[in-house]
């Protein structure tokens, strides 16, 4: 399993968009994404904690390799 890179929330949203997820709404600094029968929230922080990023990837049901390739 590759090591997770340091990523901003905006970059994570763009990468997940390339994987087929769509931003449904935004309130403040949180974006709600939907796709593949799942809905989850991504915070738009300048730097996401690796644990938070791993939880987002797990919620999206995407492998770490797929996510890193989409970045």
N, C-alpha and C. Protein backbone atom coordinates (compact mmCIF):
# COMPACT_ATOMS: atom_id res chain seq x y z
N UNK A 1 0.85 -1.16 0.00
CA UNK A 1 0.00 0.00 0.00
C UNK A 1 0.90 1.24 0.00
N UNK A 2 0.70 2.13 -0.97
CA UNK A 2 1.55 3.33 -1.01
C UNK A 2 1.21 4.28 0.14
N UNK A 3 2.21 5.03 0.50
CA UNK A 3 2.03 6.01 1.56
C UNK A 3 1.15 7.16 1.06
N UNK A 4 0.25 7.63 1.91
CA UNK A 4 -0.64 8.72 1.51
C UNK A 4 0.14 10.03 1.42
N UNK A 5 -0.05 10.77 0.35
CA UNK A 5 0.63 12.06 0.24
C UNK A 5 -0.09 13.12 1.08
N UNK A 6 0.62 14.19 1.37
CA UNK A 6 0.00 15.34 2.04
C UNK A 6 -0.84 16.04 0.98
N UNK A 7 -2.12 16.18 1.25
CA UNK A 7 -3.06 16.68 0.26
C UNK A 7 -3.99 17.71 0.89
N UNK A 8 -4.36 18.71 0.11
CA UNK A 8 -5.36 19.66 0.59
C UNK A 8 -6.75 19.09 0.32
N UNK A 9 -7.74 19.65 0.96
CA UNK A 9 -9.11 19.21 0.74
C UNK A 9 -9.56 19.45 -0.69
N UNK A 10 -9.15 20.58 -1.26
CA UNK A 10 -9.53 20.91 -2.64
C UNK A 10 -8.92 19.90 -3.63
N UNK A 11 -7.66 19.51 -3.41
CA UNK A 11 -7.03 18.51 -4.27
C UNK A 11 -7.71 17.15 -4.14
N UNK A 12 -8.14 16.81 -2.93
CA UNK A 12 -8.84 15.55 -2.72
C UNK A 12 -10.18 15.55 -3.45
N UNK A 13 -10.89 16.68 -3.42
CA UNK A 13 -12.17 16.79 -4.13
C UNK A 13 -11.95 16.64 -5.63
N UNK A 14 -10.90 17.27 -6.17
CA UNK A 14 -10.60 17.16 -7.60
C UNK A 14 -10.27 15.71 -7.98
N UNK A 15 -9.46 15.04 -7.16
CA UNK A 15 -9.10 13.65 -7.44
C UNK A 15 -10.33 12.75 -7.40
N UNK A 16 -11.19 12.95 -6.41
CA UNK A 16 -12.40 12.14 -6.33
C UNK A 16 -13.35 12.46 -7.49
N UNK A 17 -13.33 13.70 -7.96
CA UNK A 17 -14.13 14.05 -9.14
C UNK A 17 -13.66 13.30 -10.37
N UNK A 18 -12.35 13.10 -10.50
CA UNK A 18 -11.81 12.33 -11.62
C UNK A 18 -12.22 10.86 -11.53
N UNK A 19 -12.53 10.41 -10.30
CA UNK A 19 -12.94 9.02 -10.10
C UNK A 19 -14.46 8.85 -10.20
N UNK A 20 -15.18 9.92 -10.54
CA UNK A 20 -16.61 9.80 -10.79
C UNK A 20 -17.51 10.37 -9.71
N UNK A 21 -16.97 10.98 -8.69
CA UNK A 21 -17.79 11.56 -7.63
C UNK A 21 -18.14 13.00 -7.99
N UNK A 22 -19.31 13.44 -7.55
CA UNK A 22 -19.82 14.76 -7.89
C UNK A 22 -20.08 15.54 -6.60
N UNK A 23 -19.68 16.80 -6.60
CA UNK A 23 -19.96 17.67 -5.45
C UNK A 23 -21.44 18.03 -5.49
N UNK A 24 -22.17 17.65 -4.45
CA UNK A 24 -23.61 17.88 -4.39
C UNK A 24 -23.91 19.25 -3.79
N UNK A 25 -23.19 19.56 -2.70
CA UNK A 25 -23.40 20.86 -2.06
C UNK A 25 -22.17 21.19 -1.21
N UNK A 26 -22.11 22.46 -0.82
CA UNK A 26 -21.04 22.92 0.05
C UNK A 26 -21.62 23.87 1.08
N UNK A 27 -21.18 23.73 2.29
CA UNK A 27 -21.58 24.65 3.34
C UNK A 27 -20.33 24.98 4.14
N UNK A 28 -19.92 26.22 4.04
CA UNK A 28 -18.70 26.62 4.72
C UNK A 28 -17.50 25.94 4.11
N UNK A 29 -16.73 25.25 4.94
CA UNK A 29 -15.51 24.62 4.45
C UNK A 29 -15.66 23.11 4.28
N UNK A 30 -16.87 22.62 4.07
CA UNK A 30 -17.11 21.20 3.87
C UNK A 30 -17.92 20.97 2.60
N UNK A 31 -17.45 20.02 1.79
CA UNK A 31 -18.12 19.67 0.54
C UNK A 31 -18.71 18.28 0.69
N UNK A 32 -19.95 18.10 0.27
CA UNK A 32 -20.59 16.80 0.27
C UNK A 32 -20.47 16.22 -1.14
N UNK A 33 -19.86 15.04 -1.24
CA UNK A 33 -19.67 14.36 -2.52
C UNK A 33 -20.59 13.15 -2.58
N UNK A 34 -21.02 12.84 -3.80
CA UNK A 34 -21.92 11.71 -4.00
C UNK A 34 -21.47 10.96 -5.25
N UNK A 35 -21.57 9.65 -5.19
CA UNK A 35 -21.23 8.81 -6.33
C UNK A 35 -21.09 7.37 -5.89
N UNK A 36 -21.28 6.46 -6.83
CA UNK A 36 -21.16 5.02 -6.56
C UNK A 36 -22.05 4.59 -5.40
N UNK A 37 -23.20 5.25 -5.25
CA UNK A 37 -24.14 4.88 -4.20
C UNK A 37 -23.71 5.32 -2.81
N UNK A 38 -22.75 6.23 -2.71
CA UNK A 38 -22.24 6.67 -1.42
C UNK A 38 -22.28 8.19 -1.33
N UNK A 39 -22.42 8.70 -0.12
CA UNK A 39 -22.38 10.13 0.14
C UNK A 39 -21.46 10.35 1.33
N UNK A 40 -20.54 11.30 1.21
CA UNK A 40 -19.60 11.57 2.29
C UNK A 40 -19.12 13.02 2.21
N UNK A 41 -18.48 13.47 3.27
CA UNK A 41 -18.06 14.86 3.41
C UNK A 41 -16.54 14.96 3.35
N UNK A 42 -16.06 15.99 2.64
CA UNK A 42 -14.63 16.27 2.58
C UNK A 42 -14.41 17.70 3.08
N UNK A 43 -13.60 17.88 4.13
CA UNK A 43 -13.31 19.23 4.60
C UNK A 43 -12.32 19.92 3.66
N UNK A 44 -12.49 21.19 3.42
CA UNK A 44 -11.61 21.94 2.52
C UNK A 44 -10.48 22.61 3.30
N UNK A 45 -9.77 21.84 4.06
CA UNK A 45 -8.66 22.37 4.83
C UNK A 45 -7.41 22.44 3.95
N UNK A 46 -6.49 23.34 4.27
CA UNK A 46 -5.26 23.45 3.47
C UNK A 46 -4.43 22.17 3.46
N UNK A 47 -4.51 21.40 4.54
CA UNK A 47 -3.80 20.14 4.63
C UNK A 47 -4.65 19.16 5.42
N UNK A 48 -5.01 18.03 4.78
CA UNK A 48 -5.82 17.03 5.46
C UNK A 48 -4.92 16.11 6.27
N UNK A 49 -5.36 15.77 7.47
CA UNK A 49 -4.66 14.80 8.28
C UNK A 49 -4.71 13.45 7.55
N UNK A 50 -3.67 12.67 7.66
CA UNK A 50 -3.62 11.39 6.93
C UNK A 50 -4.72 10.44 7.37
N UNK A 51 -5.08 10.47 8.64
CA UNK A 51 -6.18 9.63 9.12
C UNK A 51 -7.51 10.05 8.53
N UNK A 52 -7.71 11.35 8.40
CA UNK A 52 -8.94 11.88 7.78
C UNK A 52 -8.98 11.49 6.31
N UNK A 53 -7.86 11.63 5.62
CA UNK A 53 -7.80 11.27 4.20
C UNK A 53 -8.05 9.79 4.00
N UNK A 54 -7.48 8.97 4.86
CA UNK A 54 -7.69 7.52 4.75
C UNK A 54 -9.17 7.17 4.98
N UNK A 55 -9.82 7.86 5.92
CA UNK A 55 -11.25 7.62 6.17
C UNK A 55 -12.09 8.04 4.97
N UNK A 56 -11.72 9.15 4.33
CA UNK A 56 -12.44 9.60 3.13
C UNK A 56 -12.30 8.58 2.02
N UNK A 57 -11.09 8.07 1.82
CA UNK A 57 -10.84 7.06 0.78
C UNK A 57 -11.64 5.79 1.08
N UNK A 58 -11.69 5.41 2.35
CA UNK A 58 -12.44 4.21 2.75
C UNK A 58 -13.94 4.43 2.50
N UNK A 59 -14.46 5.61 2.84
CA UNK A 59 -15.88 5.91 2.61
C UNK A 59 -16.21 5.90 1.13
N UNK A 60 -15.28 6.37 0.30
CA UNK A 60 -15.51 6.41 -1.14
C UNK A 60 -15.40 5.03 -1.77
N UNK A 61 -14.92 4.05 -1.01
CA UNK A 61 -14.72 2.69 -1.50
C UNK A 61 -13.76 2.68 -2.70
N UNK A 62 -12.67 3.41 -2.55
CA UNK A 62 -11.64 3.53 -3.57
C UNK A 62 -10.35 3.04 -2.94
N UNK A 63 -9.50 2.39 -3.72
CA UNK A 63 -8.21 1.97 -3.18
C UNK A 63 -7.27 3.17 -3.11
N UNK A 64 -6.27 3.06 -2.26
CA UNK A 64 -5.30 4.13 -2.10
C UNK A 64 -4.56 4.33 -3.43
N UNK A 65 -4.27 3.25 -4.14
CA UNK A 65 -3.59 3.35 -5.42
C UNK A 65 -4.40 4.14 -6.43
N UNK A 66 -5.71 3.87 -6.49
CA UNK A 66 -6.58 4.61 -7.40
C UNK A 66 -6.59 6.09 -7.07
N UNK A 67 -6.67 6.39 -5.77
CA UNK A 67 -6.71 7.79 -5.33
C UNK A 67 -5.41 8.50 -5.69
N UNK A 68 -4.27 7.88 -5.41
CA UNK A 68 -2.97 8.49 -5.70
C UNK A 68 -2.80 8.69 -7.19
N UNK A 69 -3.26 7.73 -8.00
CA UNK A 69 -3.18 7.88 -9.47
C UNK A 69 -4.05 9.05 -9.95
N UNK A 70 -5.19 9.28 -9.29
CA UNK A 70 -6.10 10.35 -9.70
C UNK A 70 -5.58 11.72 -9.31
N UNK A 71 -4.68 11.76 -8.32
CA UNK A 71 -4.10 13.05 -7.92
C UNK A 71 -3.24 13.58 -9.04
